[in-house]
Amino acid sequence: MREINVADITKAVKEMAVSTNHNLSSDVCKRISYCSQNETWPVAKDILGNIQENIKIAEEGTFPLCQDTGMACVFLEIGQDAHLTGGSVEEAVNEGVRAGYTEGYLRKSVVKDPVRRGNTGDNTPAHIHYDIVPGDKVKITFAPKGFGSENMSQIKMFPPAAGEQGVKDFIVQVVKDAGANPCPPIVVGVGIGGTFDRAALMAKEALLIPFDKDNEDEYYRNMEEELLTRINELGIGPQGLGGSTTALSVKIKTFPTHIAGMPVAVNINCHVSRHEERIL
């Protein structure tokens, strides 16, 4: 049994809260660069150039990538042979968020109550998802989620008869309905199967998959490629001003489901697809 003090989780979360808001992963940067080189619409090409400039400025560490520094989504994969000591894991995560957003001068966007509102003042509580996995390590994934894109996400409970075409048409329609609102070019995460809540979680997890990591299932890999083509053919383009770069990536996660249903969730992210992983 390996012991891990929750203070180490606090430290990692604090650092990631700041770093994810200033640095995009290399796969995202490469895809934006690729799209900029291949975009033929001058307005779209200019916007993608501005996005690249913004990325470079944010990397200097003073200004974040976006004014919406997101709600902290934290995914913990906890090894079943790890023993967490020193206090509450949930409190440790929230303390890391509190310290990171306060000391990093990041915008605090979380309200105490969904209806009555009232800012918490420190961007807590975080949304935390726990998985128990083999091993003795703890993997932390930190993903700040802005709500310009979150608000454009949808879920639909399909009957099985809707079939593949119904699923694909729904995903494309969600993007079409979103239009310019989620600050395209976007990243599209899709969850298919499970239950109502499982589909939504998978859609968010799909946003964490590296752009250059192919789906292991050829059927869904082909579906991702087809959807990306169809979405880019919508012509929404960067910031909704036209062009062939509406989406940077489409990623799909699936899970077995009930014979009577076929849940489909679409979670949209803007081009500032922020996430980072650390292993303790």
Protein backbone atom coordinates (compact mmCIF):
# COMPACT_ATOMS: atom_id res chain seq x y z
CA MET A 1 0.00 0.00 0.00
CA ARG A 2 1.50 3.32 -1.10
CA GLU A 3 0.66 6.42 0.92
CA ILE A 4 -0.01 9.76 -0.81
CA ASN A 5 -0.65 12.89 1.24
CA VAL A 6 -3.58 14.92 -0.06
CA ALA A 7 -1.38 18.02 0.26
CA ASP A 8 0.34 16.78 -2.92
CA ILE A 9 -3.05 16.82 -4.67
CA THR A 10 -3.64 20.40 -3.51
CA LYS A 11 -0.25 21.47 -4.84
CA ALA A 12 -0.78 19.80 -8.22
CA VAL A 13 -4.29 21.21 -8.66
CA LYS A 14 -3.12 24.72 -7.74
CA GLU A 15 -0.33 24.58 -10.34
CA MET A 16 -2.57 23.11 -13.03
CA ALA A 17 -5.27 25.72 -12.45
CA VAL A 18 -2.77 28.34 -13.54
CA SER A 19 -0.87 26.42 -16.21
CA THR A 20 -3.95 25.17 -18.07
CA ASN A 21 -5.26 28.71 -18.33
CA HIS A 22 -2.03 29.88 -19.97
CA ASN A 23 -0.88 26.93 -22.08
CA LEU A 24 -2.64 24.78 -24.66
CA SER A 25 -1.42 21.25 -25.29
CA SER A 26 0.76 20.71 -28.34
CA ASP A 27 -1.86 18.69 -30.25
CA VAL A 28 -4.32 21.62 -30.10
CA CYS A 29 -1.67 24.13 -31.17
CA LYS A 30 -0.58 21.92 -34.06
CA ARG A 31 -4.15 21.44 -35.28
CA ILE A 32 -4.85 25.20 -35.19
CA SER A 33 -1.62 25.82 -37.11
CA TYR A 34 -2.56 23.16 -39.67
CA CYS A 35 -6.03 24.65 -40.15
CA SER A 36 -4.56 28.13 -40.51
CA GLN A 37 -2.24 26.95 -43.29
CA ASN A 38 -5.06 25.18 -45.14
CA GLU A 39 -7.86 27.71 -44.64
CA THR A 40 -8.75 29.41 -47.95
CA TRP A 41 -11.22 32.05 -46.72
CA PRO A 42 -9.10 35.20 -45.96
CA VAL A 43 -11.24 36.33 -43.01
CA ALA A 44 -11.05 32.87 -41.41
CA LYS A 45 -7.32 32.64 -42.03
CA ASP A 46 -6.82 36.03 -40.36
CA ILE A 47 -8.85 34.97 -37.31
CA LEU A 48 -6.86 31.75 -36.94
CA GLY A 49 -3.70 33.85 -37.09
CA ASN A 50 -5.05 36.04 -34.28
CA ILE A 51 -5.82 32.93 -32.24
CA GLN A 52 -2.23 31.74 -32.66
CA GLU A 53 -0.95 35.15 -31.56
CA ASN A 54 -3.23 35.00 -28.51
CA ILE A 55 -1.81 31.57 -27.63
CA LYS A 56 1.75 32.96 -27.72
CA ILE A 57 0.82 35.95 -25.53
CA ALA A 58 -0.88 33.69 -22.96
CA GLU A 59 2.22 31.48 -22.78
CA GLU A 60 4.13 34.45 -21.35
CA GLY A 61 2.17 33.89 -18.15
CA THR A 62 0.50 37.24 -17.49
CA PHE A 63 -2.76 37.04 -19.42
CA PRO A 64 -4.86 33.87 -19.60
CA LEU A 65 -5.94 32.32 -22.89
CA CYS A 66 -9.53 33.48 -22.35
CA GLN A 67 -11.34 35.83 -19.98
CA ASP A 68 -13.57 32.87 -19.06
CA THR A 69 -11.14 30.86 -17.00
CA GLY A 70 -13.77 28.20 -16.54
CA MET A 71 -15.34 26.03 -13.91
CA ALA A 72 -12.72 23.61 -12.60
CA CYS A 73 -13.47 20.07 -13.78
CA VAL A 74 -11.18 17.60 -12.05
CA PHE A 75 -10.93 13.92 -12.91
CA LEU A 76 -9.23 11.69 -10.33
CA GLU A 77 -8.12 8.16 -11.20
CA ILE A 78 -7.21 6.69 -7.84
CA GLY A 79 -5.23 3.48 -7.67
CA GLN A 80 -6.89 0.90 -5.42
CA ASP A 81 -3.51 0.24 -3.78
CA ALA A 82 -2.99 3.90 -2.89
CA HIS A 83 -3.79 5.18 0.58
CA LEU A 84 -4.64 8.88 0.70
CA THR A 85 -3.66 10.51 3.97
CA GLY A 86 -3.79 13.94 5.58
CA GLY A 87 -7.44 14.84 5.18
CA SER A 88 -10.33 14.98 2.74
CA VAL A 89 -9.56 14.50 -0.96
CA GLU A 90 -12.45 16.76 -1.94
CA GLU A 91 -11.27 19.53 0.36
CA ALA A 92 -7.73 19.12 -0.98
CA VAL A 93 -8.90 19.56 -4.57
CA ASN A 94 -11.00 22.60 -3.72
CA GLU A 95 -8.15 24.17 -1.78
CA GLY A 96 -5.96 23.76 -4.84
CA VAL A 97 -8.60 25.43 -7.02
CA ARG A 98 -9.05 28.22 -4.48
CA ALA A 99 -5.32 28.92 -4.26
CA GLY A 100 -4.70 28.63 -8.00
CA TYR A 101 -7.48 30.95 -9.05
CA THR A 102 -6.75 33.49 -6.31
CA GLU A 103 -2.96 33.62 -6.52
CA GLY A 104 -3.07 33.28 -10.33
CA TYR A 105 -5.48 36.24 -10.64
CA LEU A 106 -7.93 34.12 -12.63
CA ARG A 107 -11.59 35.05 -12.97
CA LYS A 108 -13.89 33.47 -10.39
CA SER A 109 -16.99 32.25 -12.18
CA VAL A 110 -18.76 29.86 -9.81
CA VAL A 111 -22.02 30.80 -8.05
CA LYS A 112 -23.26 29.33 -4.75
CA ASP A 113 -26.70 28.38 -6.01
CA PRO A 114 -27.81 27.69 -9.59
CA VAL A 115 -31.02 29.73 -9.28
CA ARG A 116 -30.36 32.28 -6.54
CA ARG A 117 -26.76 32.81 -7.73
CA GLY A 118 -24.16 34.64 -5.57
CA ASN A 119 -20.48 34.22 -6.47
CA THR A 120 -18.43 31.98 -4.17
CA GLY A 121 -15.48 34.30 -4.64
CA ASP A 122 -12.81 31.64 -5.18
CA ASN A 123 -14.09 29.48 -8.09
CA THR A 124 -14.98 26.60 -5.78
CA PRO A 125 -16.45 24.08 -5.58
CA ALA A 126 -14.85 22.15 -8.41
CA HIS A 127 -16.70 19.47 -10.34
CA ILE A 128 -14.86 16.29 -9.29
CA HIS A 129 -15.21 12.88 -10.86
CA TYR A 130 -13.65 9.85 -9.18
CA ASP A 131 -12.55 6.56 -10.73
CA ILE A 132 -10.99 3.66 -8.82
CA VAL A 133 -8.40 1.96 -11.02
CA PRO A 134 -5.67 -0.70 -10.59
CA GLY A 135 -2.29 0.41 -9.22
CA ASP A 136 -0.94 2.64 -6.48
CA LYS A 137 -0.86 6.03 -8.20
CA VAL A 138 -3.25 8.96 -8.53
CA LYS A 139 -3.78 10.52 -11.93
CA ILE A 140 -5.21 14.05 -11.89
CA THR A 141 -6.72 15.64 -14.99
CA PHE A 142 -7.58 19.31 -14.67
CA ALA A 143 -9.90 20.79 -17.30
CA PRO A 144 -11.27 24.32 -16.88
CA LYS A 145 -14.60 24.48 -18.75
CA GLY A 146 -15.90 27.77 -20.10
CA PHE A 147 -19.65 28.11 -20.35
CA GLY A 148 -19.94 29.86 -23.70
CA SER A 149 -19.38 26.40 -25.15
CA GLU A 150 -20.89 24.41 -22.27
CA ASN A 151 -24.22 26.17 -22.78
CA MET A 152 -24.34 24.92 -26.37
CA SER A 153 -24.12 21.26 -25.36
CA GLN A 154 -27.10 18.92 -25.67
CA ILE A 155 -28.25 15.40 -24.82
CA LYS A 156 -30.98 13.33 -26.44
CA MET A 157 -32.48 10.01 -25.48
CA PHE A 158 -32.98 8.22 -28.80
CA PRO A 159 -34.95 5.05 -29.39
CA PRO A 160 -32.77 2.37 -30.99
CA ALA A 161 -34.71 2.77 -34.23
CA ALA A 162 -33.05 6.18 -34.77
CA GLY A 163 -29.99 4.24 -35.87
CA GLU A 164 -26.60 5.50 -36.95
CA GLN A 165 -28.03 8.19 -39.22
CA GLY A 166 -30.16 9.63 -36.43
CA VAL A 167 -27.13 9.85 -34.16
CA LYS A 168 -24.94 11.54 -36.76
CA ASP A 169 -27.64 14.00 -37.84
CA PHE A 170 -28.23 14.99 -34.21
CA ILE A 171 -24.54 15.69 -33.58
CA VAL A 172 -24.26 17.87 -36.68
CA GLN A 173 -27.50 19.69 -35.79
CA VAL A 174 -26.18 20.50 -32.30
CA VAL A 175 -23.18 22.21 -33.87
CA LYS A 176 -25.39 23.99 -36.40
CA ASP A 177 -27.68 25.25 -33.63
CA ALA A 178 -24.66 26.46 -31.66
CA GLY A 179 -23.41 28.57 -34.56
CA ALA A 180 -20.94 31.23 -33.47
CA ASN A 181 -21.88 31.08 -29.77
CA PRO A 182 -19.18 28.63 -28.58
CA CYS A 183 -16.33 30.63 -30.20
CA PRO A 184 -15.44 28.29 -33.07
CA PRO A 185 -13.35 26.55 -34.17
CA ILE A 186 -14.69 24.09 -31.64
CA VAL A 187 -13.90 20.66 -30.26
CA VAL A 188 -16.81 18.21 -30.24
CA GLY A 189 -17.00 15.51 -27.57
CA VAL A 190 -19.63 12.81 -28.01
CA GLY A 191 -20.88 10.18 -25.58
CA ILE A 192 -23.07 7.37 -26.91
CA GLY A 193 -24.68 4.73 -24.72
CA GLY A 194 -24.85 3.99 -21.03
CA THR A 195 -27.49 6.00 -19.20
CA PHE A 196 -28.53 9.67 -19.30
CA ASP A 197 -25.76 10.68 -16.91
CA ARG A 198 -23.12 8.31 -18.29
CA ALA A 199 -23.54 9.66 -21.83
CA ALA A 200 -22.99 13.23 -20.61
CA LEU A 201 -19.88 12.24 -18.66
CA MET A 202 -18.43 10.39 -21.65
CA ALA A 203 -19.01 13.42 -23.87
CA LYS A 204 -16.97 15.56 -21.49
CA GLU A 205 -14.27 12.90 -21.19
CA ALA A 206 -14.09 12.73 -24.99
CA LEU A 207 -12.92 16.35 -24.96
CA LEU A 208 -9.78 15.18 -23.13
CA ILE A 209 -8.70 12.77 -25.85
CA PRO A 210 -5.62 14.04 -27.76
CA PHE A 211 -6.38 15.07 -31.33
CA ASP A 212 -3.67 12.78 -32.64
CA LYS A 213 -4.96 9.69 -30.82
CA ASP A 214 -7.10 7.59 -33.16
CA ASN A 215 -10.22 5.81 -31.97
CA GLU A 216 -9.34 2.13 -31.50
CA ASP A 217 -12.70 1.11 -32.99
CA GLU A 218 -12.55 1.56 -36.77
CA TYR A 219 -16.32 2.01 -36.96
CA TYR A 220 -16.26 5.02 -34.63
CA ARG A 221 -13.02 6.31 -36.10
CA ASN A 222 -14.72 6.51 -39.47
CA MET A 223 -17.74 8.16 -37.86
CA GLU A 224 -15.52 10.80 -36.25
CA GLU A 225 -13.91 11.60 -39.59
CA GLU A 226 -17.27 11.79 -41.36
CA LEU A 227 -18.71 14.06 -38.68
CA LEU A 228 -15.70 16.38 -38.77
CA THR A 229 -16.10 16.73 -42.53
CA ARG A 230 -19.85 17.36 -42.29
CA ILE A 231 -19.41 19.91 -39.50
CA ASN A 232 -16.73 21.82 -41.37
CA GLU A 233 -18.93 21.84 -44.46
CA LEU A 234 -21.49 23.85 -42.46
CA GLY A 235 -19.34 26.89 -43.21
CA ILE A 236 -19.74 28.46 -39.76
CA GLY A 237 -15.99 28.99 -39.58
CA PRO A 238 -13.78 30.72 -37.01
CA GLN A 239 -15.86 33.01 -34.78
CA GLY A 240 -18.85 32.32 -37.03
CA LEU A 241 -17.59 34.47 -39.90
CA GLY A 242 -17.33 31.70 -42.49
CA GLY A 243 -14.65 29.33 -43.67
CA SER A 244 -13.85 25.64 -43.63
CA THR A 245 -12.64 25.47 -40.01
CA THR A 246 -15.71 25.11 -37.82
CA ALA A 247 -14.34 22.22 -35.73
CA LEU A 248 -10.82 21.09 -34.91
CA SER A 249 -11.74 17.60 -33.78
CA VAL A 250 -14.60 15.20 -33.10
CA LYS A 251 -14.06 12.47 -30.51
CA ILE A 252 -16.51 9.73 -29.52
CA LYS A 253 -16.72 7.55 -26.39
CA THR A 254 -19.23 4.72 -26.03
CA PHE A 255 -20.60 2.35 -23.40
CA PRO A 256 -23.06 -0.56 -23.51
CA THR A 257 -26.67 0.50 -23.00
CA HIS A 258 -30.19 -0.86 -22.48
CA ILE A 259 -32.04 -2.62 -25.31
CA ALA A 260 -34.72 0.10 -25.24
CA GLY A 261 -32.49 3.15 -25.54
CA MET A 262 -29.59 4.95 -27.20
CA PRO A 263 -28.51 8.05 -25.23
CA VAL A 264 -26.39 10.56 -27.17
CA ALA A 265 -24.66 13.54 -25.55
CA VAL A 266 -22.70 16.27 -27.30
CA ASN A 267 -20.35 18.40 -25.20
CA ILE A 268 -18.84 21.32 -27.07
CA ASN A 269 -15.58 23.04 -26.23
CA CYS A 270 -14.19 26.17 -27.81
CA HIS A 271 -10.76 26.18 -29.47
CA VAL A 272 -9.28 26.91 -26.02
CA SER A 273 -9.46 23.21 -25.19
CA ARG A 274 -7.67 23.34 -21.84
CA HIS A 275 -6.58 20.25 -19.93
CA GLU A 276 -3.51 18.82 -18.26
CA GLU A 277 -2.62 15.54 -16.57
CA ARG A 278 -0.32 14.75 -13.66
CA ILE A 279 0.46 11.48 -11.93
CA LEU A 280 1.36 11.31 -8.25
